[in-house]
N, C-alpha and C. Protein backbone atom coordinates (compact mmCIF):
# COMPACT_ATOMS: atom_id res chain seq x y z
N UNK A 1 0.75 18.41 -36.98
CA UNK A 1 2.13 17.42 -37.53
C UNK A 1 2.19 16.27 -36.51
N UNK A 2 2.63 14.77 -37.20
CA UNK A 2 3.14 13.93 -36.14
C UNK A 2 4.69 13.86 -35.51
N UNK A 3 4.23 13.87 -34.57
CA UNK A 3 5.69 13.57 -33.60
C UNK A 3 6.89 12.14 -34.13
N UNK A 4 8.28 11.79 -34.64
CA UNK A 4 8.43 11.13 -34.92
C UNK A 4 8.88 10.25 -33.60
N UNK A 5 9.20 8.77 -34.06
CA UNK A 5 9.45 7.85 -32.96
C UNK A 5 10.72 7.95 -33.33
N UNK A 6 10.59 6.63 -31.76
CA UNK A 6 12.10 5.82 -32.11
C UNK A 6 11.43 4.41 -31.36
N UNK A 7 12.33 3.01 -31.73
CA UNK A 7 12.25 1.75 -31.71
C UNK A 7 12.88 1.73 -30.88
N UNK A 8 12.27 1.31 -29.84
CA UNK A 8 13.06 0.46 -28.63
C UNK A 8 13.01 -1.25 -28.16
N UNK A 9 14.34 -1.63 -28.26
CA UNK A 9 14.02 -2.74 -28.06
C UNK A 9 14.81 -3.33 -26.71
N UNK A 10 14.16 -4.70 -25.78
CA UNK A 10 14.70 -4.95 -24.97
C UNK A 10 14.39 -6.02 -24.06
N UNK A 11 15.37 -7.40 -23.83
CA UNK A 11 14.80 -8.66 -23.58
C UNK A 11 14.55 -8.40 -22.05
N UNK A 12 13.70 -8.94 -22.53
CA UNK A 12 12.93 -9.28 -21.06
C UNK A 12 12.02 -10.66 -21.19
N UNK A 13 11.93 -12.12 -19.65
CA UNK A 13 12.09 -12.57 -19.35
C UNK A 13 10.17 -13.69 -20.60
N UNK A 14 10.81 -14.08 -21.14
CA UNK A 14 9.50 -14.00 -21.25
C UNK A 14 7.95 -14.41 -20.68
N UNK A 15 8.24 -15.45 -19.02
CA UNK A 15 6.89 -15.58 -18.02
C UNK A 15 7.00 -14.37 -18.04
N UNK A 16 7.61 -13.17 -17.53
CA UNK A 16 7.58 -11.94 -16.71
C UNK A 16 6.66 -11.09 -18.13
N UNK A 17 6.78 -11.01 -19.15
CA UNK A 17 6.08 -10.77 -20.77
C UNK A 17 4.58 -10.53 -20.71
N UNK A 18 4.43 -12.20 -20.38
CA UNK A 18 3.45 -12.93 -19.97
C UNK A 18 2.45 -12.02 -18.75
N UNK A 19 2.90 -12.28 -17.98
CA UNK A 19 2.33 -12.22 -17.09
C UNK A 19 1.63 -10.10 -17.29
N UNK A 20 2.67 -9.39 -17.92
CA UNK A 20 2.67 -7.81 -17.06
C UNK A 20 1.16 -8.35 -18.53
N UNK A 21 1.90 -8.52 -20.01
CA UNK A 21 0.46 -8.06 -20.85
C UNK A 21 -0.89 -8.56 -20.55
N UNK A 22 -0.98 -9.17 -19.48
CA UNK A 22 -2.33 -9.17 -19.06
C UNK A 22 -2.79 -8.71 -17.88
N UNK A 23 -2.33 -7.91 -17.28
CA UNK A 23 -2.01 -7.35 -16.48
C UNK A 23 -2.75 -5.78 -16.95
N UNK A 24 -1.52 -5.37 -18.09
CA UNK A 24 -1.57 -4.22 -18.91
C UNK A 24 -3.36 -4.22 -19.51
N UNK A 25 -3.48 -4.94 -20.57
CA UNK A 25 -4.65 -5.77 -20.82
C UNK A 25 -5.95 -5.66 -20.58
N UNK A 26 -5.75 -6.07 -19.45
CA UNK A 26 -7.15 -5.69 -18.21
C UNK A 26 -6.61 -4.34 -17.94
N UNK A 27 -5.97 -3.32 -17.63
CA UNK A 27 -6.05 -2.00 -17.84
C UNK A 27 -6.17 -0.72 -19.24
N UNK A 28 -6.48 -1.69 -20.43
CA UNK A 28 -6.21 -1.18 -21.86
C UNK A 28 -5.10 -0.37 -22.03
N UNK A 29 -4.17 -1.39 -21.55
CA UNK A 29 -2.51 -0.44 -22.27
C UNK A 29 -2.17 -1.64 -23.19
N UNK A 30 -1.38 -1.45 -23.74
CA UNK A 30 0.22 -1.99 -24.46
C UNK A 30 1.48 -1.51 -23.50
N UNK A 31 1.86 -2.44 -24.25
CA UNK A 31 3.64 -2.07 -23.06
C UNK A 31 4.41 -1.22 -23.71
N UNK A 32 3.25 -1.07 -25.14
CA UNK A 32 4.42 0.57 -24.97
C UNK A 32 4.23 1.25 -24.99
N UNK A 33 3.05 2.12 -24.33
CA UNK A 33 1.79 2.79 -23.46
C UNK A 33 2.36 2.72 -21.76
N UNK A 34 2.97 0.90 -21.07
CA UNK A 34 3.80 1.87 -19.97
C UNK A 34 4.52 2.27 -20.21
N UNK A 35 5.98 1.95 -21.30
CA UNK A 35 6.94 2.16 -21.18
C UNK A 35 7.16 4.02 -21.41
N UNK A 36 5.97 4.48 -22.24
CA UNK A 36 5.89 5.93 -22.61
C UNK A 36 5.62 6.56 -21.34
N UNK A 37 4.94 5.70 -20.66
CA UNK A 37 4.53 6.77 -19.71
C UNK A 37 5.61 6.31 -18.53
N UNK A 38 5.64 5.60 -18.08
CA UNK A 38 7.10 5.38 -17.99
C UNK A 38 8.43 6.97 -17.78
N UNK A 39 8.17 6.72 -18.83
CA UNK A 39 9.38 7.69 -19.90
C UNK A 39 9.20 9.04 -19.40
N UNK A 40 7.41 8.87 -19.23
CA UNK A 40 7.08 11.14 -18.87
C UNK A 40 7.03 10.86 -17.41
N UNK A 41 7.38 10.01 -16.74
CA UNK A 41 7.36 10.68 -15.64
C UNK A 41 9.33 11.03 -14.86
N UNK A 42 9.75 9.58 -16.01
CA UNK A 42 11.42 10.42 -15.87
C UNK A 42 11.80 11.30 -16.21
N UNK A 43 10.72 11.65 -17.72
CA UNK A 43 11.41 12.84 -17.75
C UNK A 43 11.32 13.93 -16.45
N UNK A 44 9.66 14.34 -16.14
CA UNK A 44 9.26 15.79 -14.96
C UNK A 44 9.89 15.15 -14.08
N UNK A 45 10.81 14.02 -13.07
CA UNK A 45 10.90 14.32 -11.84
C UNK A 45 12.10 13.95 -12.47
N UNK A 46 12.98 13.32 -13.91
CA UNK A 46 14.20 13.90 -13.26
C UNK A 46 14.56 12.67 -12.62
N UNK A 47 14.41 11.43 -13.31
CA UNK A 47 14.41 10.49 -11.66
C UNK A 47 13.26 8.96 -12.18
N UNK A 48 13.84 8.25 -12.20
CA UNK A 48 13.36 7.20 -11.97
C UNK A 48 11.81 7.49 -10.34
N UNK A 49 10.49 7.04 -10.65
CA UNK A 49 9.36 7.63 -10.57
C UNK A 49 9.27 6.52 -9.24
N UNK A 50 9.98 5.95 -8.86
CA UNK A 50 10.12 4.86 -7.17
C UNK A 50 11.96 4.69 -6.71
N UNK A 51 11.77 4.09 -5.96
CA UNK A 51 12.83 4.13 -5.21
C UNK A 51 13.96 2.97 -5.90
N UNK A 52 14.89 2.70 -6.19
CA UNK A 52 16.10 2.05 -6.52
C UNK A 52 16.92 1.96 -5.34
N UNK A 53 16.79 0.55 -4.50
CA UNK A 53 17.36 -0.28 -3.34
C UNK A 53 18.43 -0.83 -3.23
N UNK A 54 18.82 -1.77 -2.41
CA UNK A 54 19.55 -3.00 -2.56
C UNK A 54 18.47 -2.84 -0.18
N UNK A 55 19.01 -1.50 0.23
CA UNK A 55 17.87 -1.63 1.39
C UNK A 55 16.46 -1.94 1.08
N UNK A 56 15.98 -3.22 2.04
CA UNK A 56 14.24 -3.54 2.40
C UNK A 56 14.04 -2.59 3.18
N UNK A 57 13.22 -2.61 2.54
CA UNK A 57 11.76 -1.41 3.33
C UNK A 57 10.02 -1.97 2.89
N UNK A 58 10.07 -2.14 3.66
CA UNK A 58 8.15 -2.41 4.10
C UNK A 58 6.92 -1.53 3.68
N UNK A 59 6.64 -2.48 2.46
CA UNK A 59 4.99 -1.75 2.09
C UNK A 59 4.17 -0.71 3.39
N UNK A 60 4.19 0.12 2.76
CA UNK A 60 3.01 0.99 3.28
C UNK A 60 1.76 0.19 3.54
N UNK A 61 0.84 0.48 4.97
CA UNK A 61 -0.66 -0.66 5.07
C UNK A 61 -1.40 0.69 4.11
N UNK A 62 -2.44 0.04 3.55
CA UNK A 62 -3.35 1.62 3.34
C UNK A 62 -3.78 2.68 3.65
N UNK A 63 -3.89 2.29 4.63
CA UNK A 63 -4.26 4.07 5.82
C UNK A 63 -3.25 5.07 5.34
N UNK A 64 -1.99 4.15 5.93
CA UNK A 64 -0.41 5.26 6.24
C UNK A 64 -0.54 5.44 4.47
N UNK A 65 -0.77 5.45 3.49
CA UNK A 65 -0.75 5.60 1.82
C UNK A 65 -1.53 6.69 1.99
N UNK A 66 -2.52 6.17 1.80
CA UNK A 66 -3.59 7.61 1.71
C UNK A 66 -3.37 9.00 2.73
N UNK A 67 -2.94 8.79 3.86
CA UNK A 67 -2.61 9.61 4.52
C UNK A 67 -1.36 10.39 4.41
N UNK A 68 -0.33 9.45 3.67
CA UNK A 68 0.53 10.54 3.12
C UNK A 68 0.61 11.44 1.73
N UNK A 69 -0.17 10.23 0.63
CA UNK A 69 -0.86 11.08 -0.61
C UNK A 69 -1.71 12.16 -0.37
N UNK A 70 -2.47 11.82 0.74
CA UNK A 70 -3.28 13.62 0.90
C UNK A 70 -2.14 13.82 1.55
N UNK A 71 -1.28 14.19 2.43
CA UNK A 71 -0.55 15.30 2.63
C UNK A 71 -0.31 15.94 1.71
N UNK A 72 1.16 15.03 0.11
CA UNK A 72 1.66 16.02 -0.64
C UNK A 72 0.23 15.90 -2.11
N UNK A 73 -0.93 16.27 -1.76
CA UNK A 73 -1.05 16.78 -2.43
C UNK A 73 -2.67 16.86 -2.41
N UNK A 74 -3.37 17.05 -1.17
CA UNK A 74 -4.09 17.42 -0.29
C UNK A 74 -5.02 16.62 -1.27
N UNK A 75 -6.62 17.33 -0.53
CA UNK A 75 -7.91 15.36 -1.26
C UNK A 75 -8.42 15.78 -1.30
N UNK A 76 -8.25 14.68 -1.95
CA UNK A 76 -9.57 14.51 -3.69
C UNK A 76 -10.82 14.57 -3.59
């Protein structure tokens, strides 16, 4: 049995859409795939899968990020 779907329309700046489509194409994804992945994470977590804030926080370097992920998720 197929699942019903809903059409979602969104306005996105053309230059951003072009850049994002190139990245998604390299990943083998369509924009609708990315939106579905985002929505699945919102549904699973009950919130956005990233922080939205007006306060600047520097990005973690790769080593710190790997350490934090390992502590949270265990060894790969």
